[in-house]
Amino acid sequence: MSEEKRVYVKVCSSDEGESAEPAPEPINEQPLSMGKRTLQTLCGASEVSSDQTLWKCLLAEFIGTATLVLIACGSCYGVTSPTSEAVVRIAFGFGLAVASVAQAVGHISGGHLNPCVTAGMLVAGNISFVKGFFYVCSQCIGAITGAAILQALTPAGFGLGATSLAKDVTPLMGFFIEATISFVLVLTVFGATDGNRLDVLGSVPLAIGLSITVCHLFAIPLTGASMNPARTFGPALILQNFENHHIYWLGPLLGGISAGLVYRYAFSAPKPTVDELERAARMCCLAKMSGKEVEASSGI
């Protein structure tokens, strides 16, 4: 006869110290057939009808991408040539815009805001096919909306921050540049959001935003530094200019998918041991107590 075991988890409270609470009882669900379970896992068709938060995720991706295109592409206004000052301004405009929006909606949808990020999450098994498809649709519609609003708010003749290849950059070069910077971005996203890592102590949105900034510093003079098919699609549709547009889809998608596969099979952190979790919990408790002591001593 099997013996029932109850697992207790240490909980740190700012007022009462550590206490032991029983872990929640497992929920017994009706088993599914292997074929049905596999289909639902791969496609995620059940999420459309059963996941009550899906519409919130899609709304977050729509608003987030619209805001990104409106604000970040708006930072390109007045720039006629990629001077050093203009490159730095636009690079920080995009990086800080992504960091801000990711901080605002990341807890709702994950803050993808980018089809190549969604593609990377899909091949890594972090999102279903159906949900990923709706994410990309929301991102593209959001980008179109953001570009349309930007056009309405700026004087005629503004290029909406549309991406294009530099004079001496061939389509093949542009393809690999976009694939490379998208690889860097998505790899950073995976590394910063890996739930098994206990050493990520800084701001995840800021880390992602800075990776976008540094990639823009490199690629703005070459391709315009899209690394986001939706960000390029919105202005292109509003301006009806699709020259070399396929590069800004194929390159970032290749980079995002490659980063997702590399991180999943080569770089993903192992699950932490019980000792590592307890050590991290103690450090968290000490940090909270130290913060309260600082507040008390400063009279805040």
Protein backbone atom coordinates (compact mmCIF):
# COMPACT_ATOMS: atom_id res chain seq x y z
CA MET A 1 0.00 0.00 0.00
CA SER A 2 1.47 3.33 -1.05
CA GLU A 3 2.11 5.90 1.63
CA GLU A 4 0.76 9.40 1.01
CA LYS A 5 3.43 12.08 1.32
CA ARG A 6 2.81 15.77 1.79
CA VAL A 7 5.45 18.25 0.64
CA TYR A 8 5.98 21.42 2.66
CA VAL A 9 7.31 24.60 1.08
CA LYS A 10 9.13 27.32 3.00
CA VAL A 11 7.43 30.66 2.63
CA CYS A 12 9.13 33.91 3.52
CA SER A 13 6.98 36.63 5.00
CA SER A 14 8.23 40.14 5.62
CA ASP A 15 6.60 40.22 9.08
CA GLU A 16 6.65 36.66 10.36
CA GLY A 17 9.87 35.24 8.95
CA GLU A 18 9.77 31.74 7.53
CA SER A 19 6.80 29.42 7.83
CA ALA A 20 6.01 26.01 6.44
CA GLU A 21 2.87 25.58 4.40
CA PRO A 22 1.62 22.45 2.67
CA ALA A 23 1.89 22.42 -1.07
CA PRO A 24 -1.46 22.47 -2.90
CA GLU A 25 -3.08 19.14 -3.60
CA PRO A 26 -2.73 17.90 -7.18
CA ILE A 27 -5.75 18.30 -9.41
CA ASN A 28 -7.02 15.07 -10.90
CA GLU A 29 -8.00 15.62 -14.52
CA GLN A 30 -9.74 13.27 -16.90
CA PRO A 31 -7.05 11.60 -19.01
CA LEU A 32 -7.06 12.28 -22.75
CA SER A 33 -6.22 9.84 -25.49
CA MET A 34 -2.66 10.03 -26.76
CA GLY A 35 -3.68 11.26 -30.21
CA LYS A 36 -5.99 13.96 -28.90
CA ARG A 37 -3.44 15.10 -26.31
CA THR A 38 -0.71 15.34 -28.95
CA LEU A 39 -2.93 17.34 -31.31
CA GLN A 40 -3.93 19.77 -28.57
CA THR A 41 -0.33 20.15 -27.45
CA LEU A 42 1.00 20.90 -30.92
CA CYS A 43 -1.85 23.06 -32.19
CA GLY A 44 -3.35 24.46 -29.01
CA ALA A 45 -6.81 24.47 -30.60
CA SER A 46 -8.47 24.15 -27.21
CA GLU A 47 -6.97 27.48 -26.09
CA VAL A 48 -9.22 29.42 -28.45
CA SER A 49 -12.37 28.17 -26.72
CA SER A 50 -11.19 27.38 -23.19
CA ASP A 51 -8.54 30.00 -22.37
CA GLN A 52 -10.43 32.96 -20.97
CA THR A 53 -7.27 35.10 -20.95
CA LEU A 54 -6.46 34.66 -24.65
CA TRP A 55 -8.31 37.82 -25.64
CA LYS A 56 -6.32 39.76 -23.04
CA CYS A 57 -3.07 38.44 -24.52
CA LEU A 58 -4.12 39.42 -28.04
CA LEU A 59 -5.21 42.86 -26.87
CA ALA A 60 -1.87 43.32 -25.09
CA GLU A 61 0.06 42.35 -28.23
CA PHE A 62 -2.09 44.67 -30.35
CA ILE A 63 -1.74 47.70 -28.06
CA GLY A 64 1.92 46.98 -27.35
CA THR A 65 2.93 46.71 -31.01
CA ALA A 66 0.84 49.75 -31.97
CA THR A 67 2.54 51.77 -29.25
CA LEU A 68 5.96 50.50 -30.30
CA VAL A 69 5.48 51.54 -33.93
CA LEU A 70 3.92 54.88 -32.99
CA ILE A 71 6.60 55.94 -30.50
CA ALA A 72 9.73 54.18 -31.79
CA CYS A 73 9.16 54.89 -35.47
CA GLY A 74 8.15 58.40 -34.45
CA SER A 75 11.66 58.88 -33.10
CA CYS A 76 12.83 58.80 -36.73
CA TYR A 77 11.04 62.07 -37.52
CA GLY A 78 13.37 64.75 -38.84
CA VAL A 79 16.12 62.26 -39.71
CA THR A 80 17.16 62.49 -43.35
CA SER A 81 20.45 60.59 -43.21
CA PRO A 82 21.99 58.07 -40.80
CA THR A 83 24.40 60.42 -39.03
CA SER A 84 26.02 59.28 -35.80
CA GLU A 85 23.68 61.43 -33.72
CA ALA A 86 20.61 60.15 -35.57
CA VAL A 87 21.65 56.51 -35.21
CA VAL A 88 22.13 56.85 -31.45
CA ARG A 89 18.82 58.69 -31.07
CA ILE A 90 16.84 56.08 -33.02
CA ALA A 91 18.62 53.15 -31.37
CA PHE A 92 17.73 54.35 -27.89
CA GLY A 93 14.24 55.28 -29.07
CA PHE A 94 13.52 51.71 -30.13
CA GLY A 95 15.31 50.07 -27.21
CA LEU A 96 13.59 52.14 -24.54
CA ALA A 97 10.22 51.87 -26.28
CA VAL A 98 10.40 48.07 -26.31
CA ALA A 99 11.57 47.98 -22.68
CA SER A 100 8.72 50.25 -21.59
CA VAL A 101 6.01 48.37 -23.47
CA ALA A 102 7.37 44.98 -22.36
CA GLN A 103 7.26 46.17 -18.76
CA ALA A 104 3.65 47.29 -19.25
CA VAL A 105 2.17 44.19 -20.94
CA GLY A 106 4.75 41.46 -20.30
CA HIS A 107 2.74 39.98 -17.42
CA ILE A 108 -0.30 39.61 -19.71
CA SER A 109 1.02 38.17 -22.98
CA GLY A 110 4.74 37.77 -22.41
CA GLY A 111 5.39 40.96 -24.35
CA HIS A 112 6.42 39.37 -27.66
CA LEU A 113 5.53 42.42 -29.80
CA ASN A 114 7.40 40.77 -32.65
CA PRO A 115 6.64 37.81 -34.96
CA CYS A 116 10.24 36.57 -34.80
CA VAL A 117 10.04 36.36 -31.00
CA THR A 118 6.77 34.45 -31.31
CA ALA A 119 8.35 32.12 -33.89
CA GLY A 120 11.26 31.43 -31.54
CA MET A 121 8.88 30.68 -28.68
CA LEU A 122 6.89 28.38 -30.96
CA VAL A 123 9.81 26.17 -32.01
CA ALA A 124 11.03 26.08 -28.40
CA GLY A 125 7.65 24.74 -27.29
CA ASN A 126 6.73 27.77 -25.18
CA ILE A 127 3.61 28.67 -27.15
CA SER A 128 1.14 26.67 -29.24
CA PHE A 129 0.74 27.05 -32.99
CA VAL A 130 -2.78 28.47 -32.81
CA LYS A 131 -1.92 30.96 -30.09
CA GLY A 132 1.24 31.97 -31.94
CA PHE A 133 -0.76 32.52 -35.13
CA PHE A 134 -3.18 34.84 -33.35
CA TYR A 135 -0.25 36.63 -31.69
CA VAL A 136 1.30 37.41 -35.09
CA CYS A 137 -2.05 38.61 -36.44
CA SER A 138 -2.48 40.93 -33.45
CA GLN A 139 1.07 42.23 -33.84
CA CYS A 140 0.59 43.02 -37.54
CA ILE A 141 -2.78 44.71 -36.99
CA GLY A 142 -1.25 46.69 -34.14
CA ALA A 143 1.67 47.76 -36.33
CA ILE A 144 -0.70 48.94 -39.06
CA THR A 145 -2.73 50.87 -36.50
CA GLY A 146 0.37 52.48 -34.99
CA ALA A 147 1.69 53.48 -38.42
CA ALA A 148 -1.69 54.94 -39.42
CA ILE A 149 -1.87 57.02 -36.23
CA LEU A 150 1.73 58.17 -36.73
CA GLN A 151 0.94 59.29 -40.27
CA ALA A 152 -2.08 61.23 -39.01
CA LEU A 153 -0.04 62.96 -36.30
CA THR A 154 2.97 63.99 -38.40
CA PRO A 155 3.38 66.36 -41.38
CA ALA A 156 3.08 65.01 -44.90
CA GLY A 157 6.23 63.54 -46.35
CA PHE A 158 7.42 61.75 -43.21
CA GLY A 159 8.59 58.24 -44.06
CA LEU A 160 7.17 56.68 -40.85
CA GLY A 161 10.54 55.16 -40.02
CA ALA A 162 10.19 52.66 -42.86
CA THR A 163 13.13 50.30 -43.30
CA SER A 164 15.17 50.07 -46.49
CA LEU A 165 18.52 48.74 -47.63
CA ALA A 166 21.46 51.10 -47.88
CA LYS A 167 22.80 51.84 -51.34
CA ASP A 168 25.70 49.37 -51.21
CA VAL A 169 23.87 46.63 -49.28
CA THR A 170 22.68 43.74 -51.46
CA PRO A 171 19.46 41.85 -50.67
CA LEU A 172 21.50 38.82 -49.60
CA MET A 173 23.58 40.94 -47.23
CA GLY A 174 20.44 42.53 -45.85
CA PHE A 175 18.88 39.12 -45.30
CA PHE A 176 21.79 37.88 -43.20
CA ILE A 177 22.11 41.17 -41.29
CA GLU A 178 18.45 40.97 -40.28
CA ALA A 179 18.80 37.29 -39.40
CA THR A 180 21.84 38.03 -37.23
CA ILE A 181 20.39 40.89 -35.21
CA SER A 182 17.12 38.99 -34.77
CA PHE A 183 19.08 36.00 -33.50
CA VAL A 184 20.77 38.22 -30.91
CA LEU A 185 17.44 39.69 -29.81
CA VAL A 186 15.59 36.39 -29.44
CA LEU A 187 18.54 34.71 -27.74
CA THR A 188 18.54 37.57 -25.22
CA VAL A 189 14.80 37.13 -24.69
CA PHE A 190 15.25 33.44 -23.91
CA GLY A 191 18.21 34.01 -21.62
CA ALA A 192 16.51 36.79 -19.69
CA THR A 193 13.20 34.95 -19.25
CA ASP A 194 14.50 31.44 -18.48
CA GLY A 195 12.57 30.46 -15.36
CA ASN A 196 15.23 27.94 -14.31
CA ARG A 197 17.93 30.59 -13.98
CA LEU A 198 18.45 31.94 -10.49
CA ASP A 199 21.17 34.42 -11.46
CA VAL A 200 18.94 36.81 -13.43
CA LEU A 201 18.57 39.63 -10.91
CA GLY A 202 18.19 42.69 -13.13
CA SER A 203 15.33 44.03 -15.21
CA VAL A 204 14.26 41.64 -17.96
CA PRO A 205 12.60 44.34 -20.13
CA LEU A 206 15.68 46.54 -19.82
CA ALA A 207 17.99 43.70 -20.88
CA ILE A 208 15.84 43.07 -23.95
CA GLY A 209 15.63 46.78 -24.72
CA LEU A 210 19.40 47.17 -24.54
CA SER A 211 19.90 44.25 -26.93
CA ILE A 212 17.63 46.05 -29.39
CA THR A 213 19.58 49.27 -28.87
CA VAL A 214 22.96 47.70 -29.59
CA CYS A 215 21.62 45.87 -32.66
CA HIS A 216 20.21 49.16 -33.97
CA LEU A 217 23.58 50.84 -33.48
CA PHE A 218 25.04 48.21 -35.79
CA ALA A 219 22.34 47.81 -38.43
CA ILE A 220 20.53 51.16 -38.84
CA PRO A 221 23.01 52.39 -41.51
CA LEU A 222 22.75 49.05 -43.34
CA THR A 223 19.15 47.80 -43.32
CA GLY A 224 17.31 50.17 -41.02
CA ALA A 225 17.52 47.53 -38.27
CA SER A 226 14.05 46.05 -38.41
CA MET A 227 14.47 42.71 -36.58
CA ASN A 228 10.66 42.83 -36.38
CA PRO A 229 8.53 41.95 -39.44
CA ALA A 230 5.44 43.64 -37.97
CA ARG A 231 7.35 46.87 -37.31
CA THR A 232 8.34 46.96 -41.00
CA PHE A 233 4.97 45.75 -42.31
CA GLY A 234 2.90 48.53 -40.72
CA PRO A 235 4.71 51.52 -42.30
CA ALA A 236 5.15 49.61 -45.59
CA LEU A 237 1.41 49.02 -45.90
CA ILE A 238 0.47 52.60 -45.03
CA LEU A 239 3.04 53.98 -47.50
CA GLN A 240 2.35 51.23 -50.07
CA ASN A 241 6.07 50.61 -50.47
CA PHE A 242 7.08 46.94 -50.35
CA GLU A 243 10.53 47.13 -51.93
CA ASN A 244 12.68 44.25 -50.60
CA HIS A 245 9.91 43.62 -48.08
CA HIS A 246 10.44 39.85 -48.08
CA ILE A 247 13.91 40.37 -46.56
CA TYR A 248 12.35 41.86 -43.43
CA TRP A 249 10.20 38.77 -42.95
CA LEU A 250 12.53 35.94 -43.94
CA GLY A 251 15.64 37.27 -42.19
CA PRO A 252 14.11 37.95 -38.76
CA LEU A 253 12.07 34.74 -38.82
CA LEU A 254 15.19 32.70 -39.60
CA GLY A 255 17.07 34.44 -36.78
CA GLY A 256 14.23 33.99 -34.29
CA ILE A 257 13.68 30.32 -35.10
CA SER A 258 17.42 29.61 -34.97
CA ALA A 259 17.74 31.32 -31.58
CA GLY A 260 14.78 29.39 -30.20
CA LEU A 261 16.25 26.05 -31.28
CA VAL A 262 19.77 26.90 -30.09
CA TYR A 263 18.58 28.00 -26.66
CA ARG A 264 16.25 25.07 -26.17
CA TYR A 265 18.74 22.36 -27.13
CA ALA A 266 22.06 23.94 -26.11
CA PHE A 267 21.73 26.84 -23.69
CA SER A 268 18.63 26.24 -21.58
CA ALA A 269 19.38 26.22 -17.86
CA PRO A 270 18.80 22.97 -15.93
CA LYS A 271 16.11 22.86 -13.30
CA PRO A 272 17.50 24.17 -10.00
CA THR A 273 18.02 21.75 -7.14
CA VAL A 274 16.20 22.02 -3.83
CA ASP A 275 19.33 23.45 -2.19
CA GLU A 276 19.65 26.10 -4.89
CA LEU A 277 15.99 27.07 -4.50
CA GLU A 278 16.33 27.33 -0.72
CA ARG A 279 19.49 29.42 -1.07
CA ALA A 280 17.74 31.74 -3.52
CA ALA A 281 14.74 32.03 -1.19
CA ARG A 282 17.00 32.95 1.74
CA MET A 283 18.75 35.59 -0.35
CA CYS A 284 15.37 36.98 -1.37
CA CYS A 285 14.28 37.16 2.27
CA LEU A 286 17.51 38.88 3.28
CA ALA A 287 17.14 41.38 0.45
CA LYS A 288 13.58 42.19 1.52
CA MET A 289 14.57 42.58 5.17
CA SER A 290 17.54 44.77 4.21
CA GLY A 291 15.24 46.94 2.15
CA LYS A 292 12.85 47.40 5.05
CA GLU A 293 15.74 48.30 7.36
CA VAL A 294 16.89 50.96 4.88
CA GLU A 295 13.36 52.36 4.66
CA ALA A 296 13.03 52.45 8.45
CA SER A 297 16.39 54.16 8.95
CA SER A 298 15.63 56.77 6.28
CA GLY A 299 12.15 57.43 7.60
CA ILE A 300 10.45 56.56 4.31
